[in-house]
Amino acid sequence: MEKIARQGLLYDFYGALLTEHQKNIYEDVVLYDLSLSEIAQEQGISRQGVHDLVKRCDKILEGYEEKLHLVEKFEKTKRLAREIRNLTAEFARTKDMNLVHRIEEISGEIIELEAH
């Protein structure tokens, strides 16, 4: 997954757990694509300070993901939902009942993901 996209997803899931200061700077970098220099000037801190804070936030957010796996579960659920959509389209064309059984299996996987 592209780094910025991953950072955005991690922030979506765990950003509320950062301090207000961390959130403000991380949003400026990841969501608003401001340069470290722009943020440093705006915040009255060094460019290195912004860089260090972003790296620290990355580490914090990755730590939450290692423990909770919410982004991983989200990505897997999206993949399985796309597979269900494709199978239902194929079923509409073929009326192959094996596809219905596969859809049942996939939906069971999704339910299991949510249970853990």
N, C-alpha and C. Protein backbone atom coordinates (compact mmCIF):
# COMPACT_ATOMS: atom_id res chain seq x y z
N MET A 1 0.85 -1.18 0.00
CA MET A 1 0.00 0.00 0.00
C MET A 1 0.89 1.23 0.00
N GLU A 2 0.54 2.21 -0.80
CA GLU A 2 1.30 3.45 -0.87
C GLU A 2 1.38 4.08 0.53
N LYS A 3 2.53 4.66 0.84
CA LYS A 3 2.78 5.17 2.19
C LYS A 3 1.74 6.20 2.63
N ILE A 4 1.45 7.18 1.79
CA ILE A 4 0.50 8.23 2.16
C ILE A 4 -0.89 7.65 2.36
N ALA A 5 -1.29 6.72 1.49
CA ALA A 5 -2.61 6.09 1.63
C ALA A 5 -2.68 5.31 2.95
N ARG A 6 -1.61 4.62 3.27
CA ARG A 6 -1.58 3.85 4.54
C ARG A 6 -1.63 4.80 5.72
N GLN A 7 -0.86 5.88 5.66
CA GLN A 7 -0.89 6.86 6.75
C GLN A 7 -2.30 7.42 6.93
N GLY A 8 -2.97 7.69 5.82
CA GLY A 8 -4.34 8.21 5.89
C GLY A 8 -5.29 7.23 6.53
N LEU A 9 -5.18 5.96 6.15
CA LEU A 9 -6.04 4.93 6.75
C LEU A 9 -5.75 4.76 8.24
N LEU A 10 -4.48 4.71 8.58
CA LEU A 10 -4.13 4.58 9.99
C LEU A 10 -4.68 5.77 10.78
N TYR A 11 -4.57 6.94 10.20
CA TYR A 11 -5.09 8.14 10.87
C TYR A 11 -6.60 8.07 11.01
N ASP A 12 -7.28 7.61 9.95
CA ASP A 12 -8.74 7.48 10.02
C ASP A 12 -9.16 6.57 11.17
N PHE A 13 -8.45 5.48 11.35
CA PHE A 13 -8.82 4.52 12.38
C PHE A 13 -8.34 4.90 13.78
N TYR A 14 -7.15 5.47 13.88
CA TYR A 14 -6.55 5.67 15.20
C TYR A 14 -6.20 7.12 15.52
N GLY A 15 -6.44 8.03 14.61
CA GLY A 15 -6.04 9.42 14.81
C GLY A 15 -6.61 10.06 16.06
N ALA A 16 -7.81 9.66 16.44
CA ALA A 16 -8.43 10.24 17.63
C ALA A 16 -7.63 9.95 18.90
N LEU A 17 -6.73 8.99 18.82
CA LEU A 17 -5.92 8.62 19.98
C LEU A 17 -4.65 9.46 20.11
N LEU A 18 -4.38 10.30 19.13
CA LEU A 18 -3.24 11.21 19.19
C LEU A 18 -3.63 12.46 19.97
N THR A 19 -2.63 13.20 20.46
CA THR A 19 -2.90 14.48 21.12
C THR A 19 -3.35 15.49 20.06
N GLU A 20 -3.94 16.58 20.50
CA GLU A 20 -4.39 17.62 19.56
C GLU A 20 -3.21 18.16 18.74
N HIS A 21 -2.09 18.38 19.40
CA HIS A 21 -0.90 18.89 18.70
C HIS A 21 -0.44 17.89 17.65
N GLN A 22 -0.37 16.62 18.02
CA GLN A 22 0.04 15.58 17.06
C GLN A 22 -0.95 15.52 15.90
N LYS A 23 -2.24 15.56 16.20
CA LYS A 23 -3.26 15.50 15.14
C LYS A 23 -3.11 16.66 14.17
N ASN A 24 -2.95 17.87 14.69
CA ASN A 24 -2.84 19.05 13.83
C ASN A 24 -1.67 18.93 12.86
N ILE A 25 -0.52 18.57 13.36
CA ILE A 25 0.66 18.47 12.51
C ILE A 25 0.55 17.28 11.56
N TYR A 26 0.09 16.14 12.06
CA TYR A 26 -0.04 14.96 11.20
C TYR A 26 -1.03 15.22 10.07
N GLU A 27 -2.14 15.87 10.38
CA GLU A 27 -3.12 16.22 9.34
C GLU A 27 -2.50 17.13 8.30
N ASP A 28 -1.74 18.12 8.75
CA ASP A 28 -1.11 19.03 7.80
C ASP A 28 -0.19 18.29 6.83
N VAL A 29 0.55 17.33 7.33
CA VAL A 29 1.48 16.57 6.49
C VAL A 29 0.75 15.57 5.61
N VAL A 30 -0.08 14.73 6.23
CA VAL A 30 -0.67 13.59 5.53
C VAL A 30 -1.91 13.97 4.73
N LEU A 31 -2.80 14.73 5.35
CA LEU A 31 -4.07 15.04 4.69
C LEU A 31 -4.00 16.27 3.79
N TYR A 32 -3.26 17.27 4.23
CA TYR A 32 -3.23 18.53 3.48
C TYR A 32 -1.95 18.72 2.67
N ASP A 33 -1.02 17.77 2.78
CA ASP A 33 0.20 17.75 1.97
C ASP A 33 1.02 19.04 2.07
N LEU A 34 1.06 19.62 3.27
CA LEU A 34 1.89 20.80 3.47
C LEU A 34 3.33 20.35 3.67
N SER A 35 4.26 21.20 3.33
CA SER A 35 5.67 20.86 3.50
C SER A 35 6.05 20.98 4.97
N LEU A 36 7.12 20.28 5.34
CA LEU A 36 7.59 20.36 6.72
C LEU A 36 7.97 21.79 7.08
N SER A 37 8.54 22.52 6.12
CA SER A 37 8.93 23.91 6.36
C SER A 37 7.72 24.79 6.62
N GLU A 38 6.66 24.60 5.83
CA GLU A 38 5.44 25.38 6.03
C GLU A 38 4.85 25.14 7.42
N ILE A 39 4.80 23.89 7.80
CA ILE A 39 4.23 23.53 9.10
C ILE A 39 5.11 24.07 10.22
N ALA A 40 6.42 23.93 10.07
CA ALA A 40 7.36 24.42 11.09
C ALA A 40 7.17 25.91 11.31
N GLN A 41 7.07 26.66 10.23
CA GLN A 41 6.88 28.11 10.34
C GLN A 41 5.55 28.42 11.01
N GLU A 42 4.50 27.73 10.61
CA GLU A 42 3.16 27.95 11.18
C GLU A 42 3.11 27.61 12.66
N GLN A 43 3.79 26.53 13.05
CA GLN A 43 3.75 26.06 14.43
C GLN A 43 4.83 26.69 15.33
N GLY A 44 5.78 27.38 14.72
CA GLY A 44 6.85 27.99 15.49
C GLY A 44 7.83 26.97 16.05
N ILE A 45 8.04 25.88 15.28
CA ILE A 45 9.01 24.87 15.68
C ILE A 45 9.94 24.61 14.50
N SER A 46 10.96 23.81 14.73
CA SER A 46 11.91 23.53 13.65
C SER A 46 11.33 22.53 12.66
N ARG A 47 11.89 22.53 11.47
CA ARG A 47 11.51 21.56 10.44
C ARG A 47 11.80 20.15 10.95
N GLN A 48 12.95 19.99 11.64
CA GLN A 48 13.32 18.70 12.21
C GLN A 48 12.31 18.26 13.27
N GLY A 49 11.81 19.23 14.04
CA GLY A 49 10.80 18.92 15.05
C GLY A 49 9.53 18.37 14.42
N VAL A 50 9.13 18.96 13.29
CA VAL A 50 7.95 18.48 12.56
C VAL A 50 8.22 17.06 12.06
N HIS A 51 9.38 16.87 11.45
CA HIS A 51 9.75 15.57 10.92
C HIS A 51 9.72 14.51 12.02
N ASP A 52 10.33 14.82 13.17
CA ASP A 52 10.38 13.87 14.28
C ASP A 52 8.98 13.55 14.80
N LEU A 53 8.13 14.57 14.88
CA LEU A 53 6.77 14.35 15.37
C LEU A 53 5.98 13.45 14.42
N VAL A 54 6.13 13.66 13.12
CA VAL A 54 5.43 12.83 12.13
C VAL A 54 5.91 11.38 12.24
N LYS A 55 7.22 11.20 12.36
CA LYS A 55 7.77 9.84 12.51
C LYS A 55 7.25 9.18 13.79
N ARG A 56 7.19 9.96 14.86
CA ARG A 56 6.69 9.43 16.14
C ARG A 56 5.21 9.05 15.99
N CYS A 57 4.43 9.88 15.32
CA CYS A 57 3.01 9.57 15.09
C CYS A 57 2.87 8.31 14.24
N ASP A 58 3.69 8.19 13.19
CA ASP A 58 3.66 6.98 12.36
C ASP A 58 3.88 5.75 13.23
N LYS A 59 4.86 5.83 14.11
CA LYS A 59 5.19 4.70 14.98
C LYS A 59 4.03 4.40 15.94
N ILE A 60 3.43 5.43 16.49
CA ILE A 60 2.29 5.25 17.40
C ILE A 60 1.13 4.58 16.67
N LEU A 61 0.79 5.11 15.49
CA LEU A 61 -0.35 4.57 14.73
C LEU A 61 -0.09 3.15 14.28
N GLU A 62 1.14 2.86 13.83
CA GLU A 62 1.49 1.49 13.45
C GLU A 62 1.41 0.56 14.67
N GLY A 63 1.78 1.06 15.83
CA GLY A 63 1.68 0.27 17.06
C GLY A 63 0.24 -0.11 17.37
N TYR A 64 -0.67 0.84 17.19
CA TYR A 64 -2.09 0.52 17.39
C TYR A 64 -2.54 -0.54 16.39
N GLU A 65 -2.10 -0.41 15.14
CA GLU A 65 -2.50 -1.38 14.11
C GLU A 65 -1.95 -2.76 14.43
N GLU A 66 -0.72 -2.83 14.93
CA GLU A 66 -0.13 -4.13 15.30
C GLU A 66 -0.95 -4.83 16.37
N LYS A 67 -1.54 -4.04 17.27
CA LYS A 67 -2.32 -4.61 18.36
C LYS A 67 -3.77 -4.89 17.96
N LEU A 68 -4.37 -4.01 17.18
CA LEU A 68 -5.82 -4.09 16.92
C LEU A 68 -6.18 -4.61 15.52
N HIS A 69 -5.31 -4.43 14.56
CA HIS A 69 -5.52 -4.93 13.19
C HIS A 69 -6.78 -4.40 12.52
N LEU A 70 -7.22 -3.20 12.85
CA LEU A 70 -8.45 -2.66 12.26
C LEU A 70 -8.30 -2.35 10.78
N VAL A 71 -7.17 -1.81 10.38
CA VAL A 71 -6.95 -1.50 8.96
C VAL A 71 -6.87 -2.80 8.17
N GLU A 72 -6.16 -3.77 8.70
CA GLU A 72 -6.05 -5.08 8.03
C GLU A 72 -7.44 -5.71 7.83
N LYS A 73 -8.26 -5.68 8.88
CA LYS A 73 -9.62 -6.24 8.78
C LYS A 73 -10.46 -5.45 7.77
N PHE A 74 -10.32 -4.14 7.78
CA PHE A 74 -11.05 -3.29 6.85
C PHE A 74 -10.68 -3.63 5.41
N GLU A 75 -9.38 -3.73 5.14
CA GLU A 75 -8.92 -4.05 3.79
C GLU A 75 -9.41 -5.44 3.35
N LYS A 76 -9.36 -6.40 4.25
CA LYS A 76 -9.82 -7.75 3.91
C LYS A 76 -11.33 -7.74 3.65
N THR A 77 -12.08 -7.02 4.46
CA THR A 77 -13.53 -6.93 4.26
C THR A 77 -13.85 -6.30 2.91
N LYS A 78 -13.13 -5.25 2.54
CA LYS A 78 -13.33 -4.63 1.23
C LYS A 78 -13.05 -5.61 0.10
N ARG A 79 -11.97 -6.37 0.22
CA ARG A 79 -11.60 -7.35 -0.81
C ARG A 79 -12.68 -8.42 -0.93
N LEU A 80 -13.16 -8.90 0.20
CA LEU A 80 -14.19 -9.94 0.18
C LEU A 80 -15.51 -9.40 -0.37
N ALA A 81 -15.84 -8.16 -0.05
CA ALA A 81 -17.07 -7.56 -0.57
C ALA A 81 -17.00 -7.42 -2.09
N ARG A 82 -15.82 -7.04 -2.61
CA ARG A 82 -15.64 -6.97 -4.07
C ARG A 82 -15.81 -8.35 -4.70
N GLU A 83 -15.29 -9.37 -4.02
CA GLU A 83 -15.43 -10.73 -4.54
C GLU A 83 -16.90 -11.14 -4.57
N ILE A 84 -17.65 -10.80 -3.52
CA ILE A 84 -19.09 -11.10 -3.50
C ILE A 84 -19.79 -10.39 -4.65
N ARG A 85 -19.46 -9.14 -4.86
CA ARG A 85 -20.08 -8.38 -5.96
C ARG A 85 -19.81 -9.05 -7.31
N ASN A 86 -18.57 -9.48 -7.51
CA ASN A 86 -18.23 -10.16 -8.77
C ASN A 86 -18.96 -11.49 -8.92
N LEU A 87 -19.04 -12.23 -7.83
CA LEU A 87 -19.73 -13.53 -7.87
C LEU A 87 -21.23 -13.36 -8.13
N THR A 88 -21.83 -12.34 -7.55
CA THR A 88 -23.27 -12.14 -7.79
C THR A 88 -23.52 -11.74 -9.24
N ALA A 89 -22.63 -10.96 -9.81
CA ALA A 89 -22.78 -10.60 -11.23
C ALA A 89 -22.65 -11.85 -12.10
N GLU A 90 -21.68 -12.69 -11.75
CA GLU A 90 -21.50 -13.93 -12.51
C GLU A 90 -22.71 -14.85 -12.34
N PHE A 91 -23.25 -14.91 -11.11
CA PHE A 91 -24.42 -15.74 -10.87
C PHE A 91 -25.61 -15.24 -11.70
N ALA A 92 -25.77 -13.94 -11.81
CA ALA A 92 -26.88 -13.39 -12.60
C ALA A 92 -26.80 -13.85 -14.05
N ARG A 93 -25.58 -14.03 -14.55
CA ARG A 93 -25.39 -14.50 -15.92
C ARG A 93 -25.55 -16.01 -16.06
N THR A 94 -25.04 -16.76 -15.07
CA THR A 94 -24.93 -18.22 -15.24
C THR A 94 -25.92 -19.04 -14.43
N LYS A 95 -26.44 -18.47 -13.35
CA LYS A 95 -27.32 -19.20 -12.41
C LYS A 95 -26.64 -20.43 -11.82
N ASP A 96 -25.32 -20.40 -11.74
CA ASP A 96 -24.52 -21.50 -11.17
C ASP A 96 -24.63 -21.47 -9.65
N MET A 97 -25.26 -22.47 -9.05
CA MET A 97 -25.48 -22.53 -7.60
C MET A 97 -24.17 -22.66 -6.81
N ASN A 98 -23.11 -23.12 -7.44
CA ASN A 98 -21.82 -23.16 -6.75
C ASN A 98 -21.37 -21.76 -6.35
N LEU A 99 -21.76 -20.77 -7.14
CA LEU A 99 -21.42 -19.38 -6.81
C LEU A 99 -22.14 -18.94 -5.54
N VAL A 100 -23.36 -19.38 -5.37
CA VAL A 100 -24.11 -19.03 -4.15
C VAL A 100 -23.41 -19.62 -2.93
N HIS A 101 -22.93 -20.83 -3.05
CA HIS A 101 -22.21 -21.45 -1.94
C HIS A 101 -20.93 -20.68 -1.62
N ARG A 102 -20.23 -20.23 -2.64
CA ARG A 102 -19.01 -19.45 -2.41
C ARG A 102 -19.35 -18.10 -1.74
N ILE A 103 -20.45 -17.50 -2.16
CA ILE A 103 -20.88 -16.23 -1.54
C ILE A 103 -21.20 -16.46 -0.06
N GLU A 104 -21.83 -17.56 0.25
CA GLU A 104 -22.12 -17.89 1.66
C GLU A 104 -20.82 -18.06 2.45
N GLU A 105 -19.83 -18.70 1.87
CA GLU A 105 -18.53 -18.88 2.53
C GLU A 105 -17.88 -17.53 2.80
N ILE A 106 -17.89 -16.67 1.79
CA ILE A 106 -17.25 -15.36 1.93
C ILE A 106 -17.96 -14.53 2.99
N SER A 107 -19.29 -14.53 2.96
CA SER A 107 -20.03 -13.75 3.96
C SER A 107 -19.75 -14.29 5.36
N GLY A 108 -19.56 -15.61 5.48
CA GLY A 108 -19.17 -16.19 6.77
C GLY A 108 -17.81 -15.69 7.22
N GLU A 109 -16.88 -15.56 6.28
CA GLU A 109 -15.54 -15.02 6.60
C GLU A 109 -15.66 -13.60 7.12
N ILE A 110 -16.50 -12.80 6.48
CA ILE A 110 -16.67 -11.41 6.91
C ILE A 110 -17.25 -11.36 8.32
N ILE A 111 -18.23 -12.20 8.58
CA ILE A 111 -18.82 -12.23 9.92
C ILE A 111 -17.79 -12.64 10.96
N GLU A 112 -16.95 -13.60 10.62
CA GLU A 112 -15.88 -14.03 11.53
C GLU A 112 -14.87 -12.91 11.77
N LEU A 113 -14.55 -12.15 10.74
CA LEU A 113 -13.63 -11.01 10.89
C LEU A 113 -14.16 -10.03 11.92
N GLU A 114 -15.44 -9.77 11.86
CA GLU A 114 -16.05 -8.79 12.75
C GLU A 114 -16.14 -9.32 14.18
N ALA A 115 -16.17 -10.64 14.34
CA ALA A 115 -16.29 -11.23 15.67
C ALA A 115 -14.96 -11.18 16.44
N HIS A 116 -13.86 -11.04 15.73
CA HIS A 116 -12.54 -11.06 16.40
C HIS A 116 -11.97 -9.69 16.54
